[in-house]
C-alpha cells in the first residue's frame, strides 16, 4: 500500500471520508480477495498522480462491518466516490484505471457525475 493511501474504519470513517473538503475514493476490500489485490497497484498509481487533489482510503470489510453494512457493500472490491459527504458514484469489481481516472477528473473539476444509482 502506498503512503498516499490511508486505512480507514468504523471509528474514523465519518471524520475522514464524509467531512473531507475534496473528492474521496474509498476502496472497500479484504486481504483474502484476489481482485482487491489486483486493483491495489492501480489505486497506488492514481494516488501518486492525483496528489493532493483527492483523498483515497482503504476500508477492510472484515474488520469494519458497520461501515460496510451502512453502504450496502456486498461485493468487493467496491470503490465509492464521495463529494461533499455524499456518494456520487461507485464501481464494483475489478476495473480499469481509465474508468477511475474519468470519475476523479470530473469530481476534481466540479463536474456532475451521472451515477447509475441513488444511495438512500
N, C-alpha and C. Protein backbone atom coordinates (compact mmCIF):
# COMPACT_ATOMS: atom_id res chain seq x y z
N UNK A 1 0.85 -1.18 0.00
CA UNK A 1 0.00 0.00 0.00
C UNK A 1 0.89 1.23 0.00
N UNK A 2 0.53 2.20 -0.81
CA UNK A 2 1.34 3.40 -0.93
C UNK A 2 1.17 4.30 0.29
N UNK A 3 2.07 5.25 0.44
CA UNK A 3 2.00 6.20 1.54
C UNK A 3 0.83 7.16 1.37
N UNK A 4 0.32 7.33 0.15
CA UNK A 4 -0.80 8.23 -0.10
C UNK A 4 -2.14 7.63 0.28
N UNK A 5 -2.20 6.30 0.42
CA UNK A 5 -3.46 5.64 0.73
C UNK A 5 -3.46 5.24 2.19
N UNK A 6 -4.43 5.76 2.92
CA UNK A 6 -4.55 5.52 4.34
C UNK A 6 -5.69 4.53 4.61
N UNK A 7 -5.54 3.75 5.63
CA UNK A 7 -6.62 2.85 6.05
C UNK A 7 -7.64 3.67 6.84
N UNK A 8 -8.91 3.30 6.67
CA UNK A 8 -10.00 3.99 7.34
C UNK A 8 -10.94 2.93 7.88
N UNK A 9 -11.63 3.24 8.98
CA UNK A 9 -12.50 2.24 9.56
C UNK A 9 -13.75 2.83 10.18
N UNK A 10 -14.47 1.98 10.89
CA UNK A 10 -15.72 2.38 11.50
C UNK A 10 -15.55 3.61 12.39
N UNK A 11 -14.46 3.66 13.14
CA UNK A 11 -14.26 4.73 14.12
C UNK A 11 -13.97 6.10 13.50
N UNK A 12 -13.34 6.12 12.34
CA UNK A 12 -12.95 7.42 11.76
C UNK A 12 -13.52 7.69 10.37
N UNK A 13 -14.44 6.85 9.92
CA UNK A 13 -14.98 6.99 8.57
C UNK A 13 -15.66 8.35 8.36
N UNK A 14 -16.54 8.71 9.27
CA UNK A 14 -17.27 9.97 9.10
C UNK A 14 -16.32 11.17 9.10
N UNK A 15 -15.41 11.18 10.05
CA UNK A 15 -14.49 12.32 10.16
C UNK A 15 -13.61 12.46 8.93
N UNK A 16 -13.12 11.35 8.40
CA UNK A 16 -12.18 11.43 7.28
C UNK A 16 -12.86 11.46 5.92
N UNK A 17 -13.80 10.57 5.68
CA UNK A 17 -14.40 10.46 4.34
C UNK A 17 -15.55 11.43 4.13
N UNK A 18 -16.41 11.56 5.10
CA UNK A 18 -17.63 12.35 4.89
C UNK A 18 -17.42 13.84 5.12
N UNK A 19 -16.43 14.20 5.90
CA UNK A 19 -16.17 15.62 6.17
C UNK A 19 -15.01 16.18 5.35
N UNK A 20 -14.53 15.42 4.40
CA UNK A 20 -13.41 15.87 3.56
C UNK A 20 -13.83 17.05 2.70
N UNK A 21 -12.87 17.92 2.43
CA UNK A 21 -13.14 19.10 1.61
C UNK A 21 -12.78 18.88 0.14
N UNK A 22 -12.32 17.69 -0.18
CA UNK A 22 -12.00 17.34 -1.57
C UNK A 22 -12.62 15.99 -1.89
N UNK A 23 -12.63 15.61 -3.16
CA UNK A 23 -13.19 14.30 -3.52
C UNK A 23 -12.48 13.16 -2.79
N UNK A 24 -13.26 12.12 -2.48
CA UNK A 24 -12.75 10.97 -1.73
C UNK A 24 -13.12 9.69 -2.47
N UNK A 25 -12.17 8.76 -2.52
CA UNK A 25 -12.43 7.41 -3.01
C UNK A 25 -12.16 6.47 -1.84
N UNK A 26 -13.13 5.60 -1.54
CA UNK A 26 -12.94 4.59 -0.52
C UNK A 26 -12.98 3.23 -1.20
N UNK A 27 -11.90 2.49 -1.04
CA UNK A 27 -11.77 1.14 -1.57
C UNK A 27 -12.16 0.15 -0.48
N UNK A 28 -13.35 -0.45 -0.62
CA UNK A 28 -13.78 -1.49 0.31
C UNK A 28 -13.16 -2.79 -0.18
N UNK A 29 -12.41 -3.46 0.68
CA UNK A 29 -11.60 -4.60 0.28
C UNK A 29 -11.47 -5.59 1.44
N UNK A 30 -10.80 -6.70 1.17
CA UNK A 30 -10.42 -7.68 2.19
C UNK A 30 -9.09 -8.31 1.76
N UNK A 31 -8.27 -8.69 2.71
CA UNK A 31 -6.94 -9.24 2.37
C UNK A 31 -6.98 -10.55 1.60
N UNK A 32 -8.07 -11.30 1.69
CA UNK A 32 -8.19 -12.60 1.01
C UNK A 32 -8.72 -12.47 -0.42
N UNK A 33 -9.08 -11.27 -0.83
CA UNK A 33 -9.74 -11.01 -2.12
C UNK A 33 -8.72 -10.79 -3.24
N UNK A 34 -8.71 -11.70 -4.22
CA UNK A 34 -7.77 -11.58 -5.35
C UNK A 34 -7.95 -10.31 -6.16
N UNK A 35 -9.17 -9.98 -6.61
CA UNK A 35 -9.36 -8.73 -7.36
C UNK A 35 -8.98 -7.49 -6.54
N UNK A 36 -9.15 -7.55 -5.22
CA UNK A 36 -8.74 -6.42 -4.37
C UNK A 36 -7.23 -6.22 -4.45
N UNK A 37 -6.51 -7.33 -4.46
CA UNK A 37 -5.05 -7.25 -4.58
C UNK A 37 -4.66 -6.73 -5.95
N UNK A 38 -5.42 -7.08 -6.97
CA UNK A 38 -5.11 -6.65 -8.34
C UNK A 38 -5.36 -5.16 -8.55
N UNK A 39 -6.36 -4.60 -7.89
CA UNK A 39 -6.68 -3.19 -8.09
C UNK A 39 -5.79 -2.28 -7.24
N UNK A 40 -5.17 -2.83 -6.20
CA UNK A 40 -4.35 -2.03 -5.29
C UNK A 40 -3.25 -1.23 -5.99
N UNK A 41 -2.47 -1.83 -6.91
CA UNK A 41 -1.41 -1.04 -7.57
C UNK A 41 -1.98 0.10 -8.44
N UNK A 42 -3.17 -0.12 -9.00
CA UNK A 42 -3.81 0.93 -9.79
C UNK A 42 -4.16 2.11 -8.89
N UNK A 43 -4.71 1.82 -7.72
CA UNK A 43 -5.06 2.89 -6.78
C UNK A 43 -3.81 3.60 -6.26
N UNK A 44 -2.73 2.85 -6.06
CA UNK A 44 -1.46 3.46 -5.65
C UNK A 44 -0.98 4.46 -6.69
N UNK A 45 -1.05 4.08 -7.97
CA UNK A 45 -0.63 4.98 -9.05
C UNK A 45 -1.53 6.21 -9.12
N UNK A 46 -2.81 6.00 -8.98
CA UNK A 46 -3.76 7.11 -9.03
C UNK A 46 -3.49 8.07 -7.87
N UNK A 47 -3.26 7.53 -6.69
CA UNK A 47 -2.97 8.38 -5.53
C UNK A 47 -1.72 9.22 -5.77
N UNK A 48 -0.70 8.61 -6.35
CA UNK A 48 0.53 9.34 -6.63
C UNK A 48 0.31 10.41 -7.70
N UNK A 49 -0.45 10.08 -8.73
CA UNK A 49 -0.66 11.01 -9.84
C UNK A 49 -1.61 12.16 -9.50
N UNK A 50 -2.63 11.89 -8.70
CA UNK A 50 -3.61 12.93 -8.37
C UNK A 50 -3.17 13.78 -7.18
N UNK A 51 -2.17 13.32 -6.46
CA UNK A 51 -1.61 14.10 -5.37
C UNK A 51 -2.62 14.58 -4.35
N UNK A 52 -2.54 15.87 -4.03
CA UNK A 52 -3.40 16.45 -3.00
C UNK A 52 -4.81 16.74 -3.47
N UNK A 53 -5.13 16.44 -4.72
CA UNK A 53 -6.45 16.75 -5.26
C UNK A 53 -7.54 15.78 -4.87
N UNK A 54 -7.15 14.66 -4.24
CA UNK A 54 -8.13 13.63 -3.88
C UNK A 54 -7.61 12.87 -2.66
N UNK A 55 -8.54 12.38 -1.87
CA UNK A 55 -8.20 11.50 -0.75
C UNK A 55 -8.61 10.09 -1.14
N UNK A 56 -7.71 9.13 -0.96
CA UNK A 56 -8.03 7.74 -1.24
C UNK A 56 -7.81 6.95 0.05
N UNK A 57 -8.82 6.19 0.43
CA UNK A 57 -8.77 5.38 1.64
C UNK A 57 -9.09 3.93 1.31
N UNK A 58 -8.61 3.03 2.17
CA UNK A 58 -8.94 1.61 2.08
C UNK A 58 -9.69 1.24 3.35
N UNK A 59 -10.82 0.54 3.19
CA UNK A 59 -11.64 0.10 4.32
C UNK A 59 -11.81 -1.41 4.24
N UNK A 60 -11.20 -2.12 5.17
CA UNK A 60 -11.28 -3.58 5.23
C UNK A 60 -12.67 -3.98 5.71
N UNK A 61 -13.42 -4.67 4.87
CA UNK A 61 -14.80 -5.04 5.21
C UNK A 61 -14.87 -6.06 6.34
N UNK A 62 -13.82 -6.86 6.52
CA UNK A 62 -13.82 -7.86 7.58
C UNK A 62 -13.68 -7.23 8.96
N UNK A 63 -12.89 -6.18 9.06
CA UNK A 63 -12.64 -5.55 10.36
C UNK A 63 -13.51 -4.31 10.59
N UNK A 64 -14.27 -3.90 9.58
CA UNK A 64 -15.13 -2.72 9.68
C UNK A 64 -16.53 -3.02 9.15
N UNK A 65 -17.22 -3.98 9.77
CA UNK A 65 -18.51 -4.40 9.23
C UNK A 65 -19.60 -3.33 9.30
N UNK A 66 -19.51 -2.43 10.27
CA UNK A 66 -20.53 -1.40 10.41
C UNK A 66 -20.54 -0.47 9.19
N UNK A 67 -19.38 -0.03 8.78
CA UNK A 67 -19.29 0.86 7.62
C UNK A 67 -19.68 0.13 6.35
N UNK A 68 -19.21 -1.09 6.20
CA UNK A 68 -19.56 -1.88 5.01
C UNK A 68 -21.08 -2.08 4.92
N UNK A 69 -21.72 -2.37 6.05
CA UNK A 69 -23.17 -2.56 6.06
C UNK A 69 -23.90 -1.25 5.77
N UNK A 70 -23.40 -0.17 6.32
CA UNK A 70 -24.03 1.15 6.13
C UNK A 70 -24.15 1.50 4.65
N UNK A 71 -23.13 1.12 3.86
CA UNK A 71 -23.12 1.44 2.44
C UNK A 71 -23.52 0.25 1.56
N UNK A 72 -24.03 -0.81 2.16
CA UNK A 72 -24.55 -1.93 1.39
C UNK A 72 -23.50 -2.67 0.58
N UNK A 73 -22.29 -2.76 1.10
CA UNK A 73 -21.21 -3.42 0.37
C UNK A 73 -21.44 -4.93 0.42
N UNK A 74 -21.70 -5.51 -0.74
CA UNK A 74 -21.96 -6.95 -0.82
C UNK A 74 -20.91 -7.67 -1.67
N UNK A 75 -20.22 -6.93 -2.52
CA UNK A 75 -19.16 -7.48 -3.38
C UNK A 75 -17.95 -6.57 -3.29
N UNK A 76 -16.78 -7.19 -3.33
CA UNK A 76 -15.55 -6.41 -3.30
C UNK A 76 -14.63 -6.86 -4.42
N UNK A 77 -13.74 -5.99 -4.87
CA UNK A 77 -13.57 -4.62 -4.42
C UNK A 77 -14.76 -3.75 -4.82
N UNK A 78 -15.01 -2.76 -4.00
CA UNK A 78 -16.06 -1.78 -4.29
C UNK A 78 -15.48 -0.41 -4.00
N UNK A 79 -15.45 0.42 -5.01
CA UNK A 79 -14.97 1.79 -4.84
C UNK A 79 -16.17 2.72 -4.73
N UNK A 80 -16.24 3.47 -3.65
CA UNK A 80 -17.26 4.50 -3.50
C UNK A 80 -16.58 5.85 -3.64
N UNK A 81 -17.18 6.71 -4.45
CA UNK A 81 -16.68 8.05 -4.69
C UNK A 81 -17.57 9.02 -3.92
N UNK A 82 -16.98 9.83 -3.06
CA UNK A 82 -17.70 10.80 -2.25
C UNK A 82 -17.32 12.21 -2.67
N UNK A 83 -18.29 13.09 -2.63
CA UNK A 83 -18.03 14.51 -2.84
C UNK A 83 -18.99 15.27 -1.94
N UNK A 84 -18.43 16.11 -1.08
CA UNK A 84 -19.27 16.84 -0.14
C UNK A 84 -19.99 15.93 0.84
N UNK A 85 -19.42 14.80 1.17
CA UNK A 85 -20.00 13.87 2.13
C UNK A 85 -21.04 12.93 1.56
N UNK A 86 -21.32 13.04 0.27
CA UNK A 86 -22.33 12.17 -0.37
C UNK A 86 -21.69 11.24 -1.38
N UNK A 87 -22.23 10.03 -1.48
CA UNK A 87 -21.77 9.09 -2.50
C UNK A 87 -22.28 9.59 -3.85
N UNK A 88 -21.36 9.77 -4.79
CA UNK A 88 -21.75 10.24 -6.12
C UNK A 88 -21.53 9.21 -7.21
N UNK A 89 -20.79 8.16 -6.92
CA UNK A 89 -20.58 7.10 -7.90
C UNK A 89 -19.99 5.89 -7.20
N UNK A 90 -20.07 4.76 -7.86
CA UNK A 90 -19.46 3.54 -7.33
C UNK A 90 -19.01 2.66 -8.48
N UNK A 91 -17.99 1.87 -8.20
CA UNK A 91 -17.52 0.86 -9.14
C UNK A 91 -17.37 -0.43 -8.34
N UNK A 92 -18.03 -1.48 -8.78
CA UNK A 92 -17.95 -2.77 -8.10
C UNK A 92 -17.16 -3.72 -8.98
N UNK A 93 -16.19 -4.38 -8.38
CA UNK A 93 -15.37 -5.34 -9.11
C UNK A 93 -14.13 -4.69 -9.71
N UNK A 94 -13.34 -5.52 -10.34
CA UNK A 94 -12.12 -5.04 -10.98
C UNK A 94 -12.48 -4.09 -12.11
N UNK A 95 -11.71 -3.04 -12.26
CA UNK A 95 -11.98 -2.05 -13.29
C UNK A 95 -10.67 -1.49 -13.82
N UNK A 96 -10.77 -0.68 -14.83
CA UNK A 96 -9.57 -0.09 -15.43
C UNK A 96 -9.20 1.20 -14.72
N UNK A 97 -7.96 1.56 -14.85
CA UNK A 97 -7.51 2.84 -14.32
C UNK A 97 -8.24 3.97 -15.03
N UNK A 98 -8.50 3.82 -16.31
CA UNK A 98 -9.18 4.85 -17.08
C UNK A 98 -10.55 5.19 -16.47
N UNK A 99 -11.30 4.17 -16.10
CA UNK A 99 -12.64 4.39 -15.52
C UNK A 99 -12.55 5.18 -14.21
N UNK A 100 -11.59 4.82 -13.37
CA UNK A 100 -11.41 5.52 -12.10
C UNK A 100 -10.97 6.96 -12.34
N UNK A 101 -10.00 7.13 -13.24
CA UNK A 101 -9.49 8.47 -13.57
C UNK A 101 -10.59 9.38 -14.12
N UNK A 102 -11.45 8.83 -14.96
CA UNK A 102 -12.53 9.64 -15.54
C UNK A 102 -13.44 10.21 -14.45
N UNK A 103 -13.81 9.38 -13.50
CA UNK A 103 -14.66 9.84 -12.41
C UNK A 103 -13.94 10.87 -11.55
N UNK A 104 -12.69 10.60 -11.20
CA UNK A 104 -11.94 11.53 -10.37
C UNK A 104 -11.74 12.87 -11.06
N UNK A 105 -11.45 12.85 -12.34
CA UNK A 105 -11.25 14.09 -13.08
C UNK A 105 -12.51 14.93 -13.06
N UNK A 106 -13.66 14.30 -13.25
CA UNK A 106 -14.93 15.03 -13.19
C UNK A 106 -15.13 15.65 -11.81
N UNK A 107 -14.88 14.88 -10.78
CA UNK A 107 -15.06 15.38 -9.43
C UNK A 107 -14.12 16.55 -9.13
N UNK A 108 -12.87 16.43 -9.55
CA UNK A 108 -11.89 17.48 -9.29
C UNK A 108 -12.22 18.76 -10.05
N UNK A 109 -12.85 18.63 -11.18
CA UNK A 109 -13.24 19.81 -11.98
C UNK A 109 -14.57 20.39 -11.52
N UNK A 110 -15.23 19.70 -10.61
CA UNK A 110 -16.53 20.17 -10.15
C UNK A 110 -17.67 19.81 -11.09
N UNK A 111 -17.42 18.89 -12.01
CA UNK A 111 -18.44 18.47 -12.95
C UNK A 111 -19.36 17.44 -12.30
N UNK A 112 -20.56 17.34 -12.81
CA UNK A 112 -21.52 16.37 -12.31
C UNK A 112 -21.11 14.97 -12.76
N UNK A 113 -21.24 14.04 -11.84
CA UNK A 113 -21.01 12.64 -12.15
C UNK A 113 -22.39 12.00 -12.23
N UNK A 114 -22.72 11.50 -13.38
CA UNK A 114 -24.02 10.89 -13.57
C UNK A 114 -23.98 9.45 -13.08
N UNK A 115 -24.20 9.29 -11.80
CA UNK A 115 -24.14 7.96 -11.18
C UNK A 115 -25.32 7.11 -11.65
N UNK A 116 -25.08 5.84 -11.86
CA UNK A 116 -26.15 4.94 -12.33
C UNK A 116 -27.04 4.45 -11.21
N UNK A 117 -26.98 5.08 -10.04
CA UNK A 117 -27.76 4.63 -8.89
C UNK A 117 -27.99 5.81 -7.97
N UNK A 118 -28.81 5.59 -6.98
CA UNK A 118 -29.03 6.59 -5.94
C UNK A 118 -28.89 5.90 -4.59
N UNK A 119 -28.07 6.46 -3.71
CA UNK A 119 -27.93 5.95 -2.35
C UNK A 119 -29.05 6.56 -1.52
N UNK A 120 -29.67 5.78 -0.68
CA UNK A 120 -30.75 6.26 0.18
C UNK A 120 -30.22 6.58 1.54
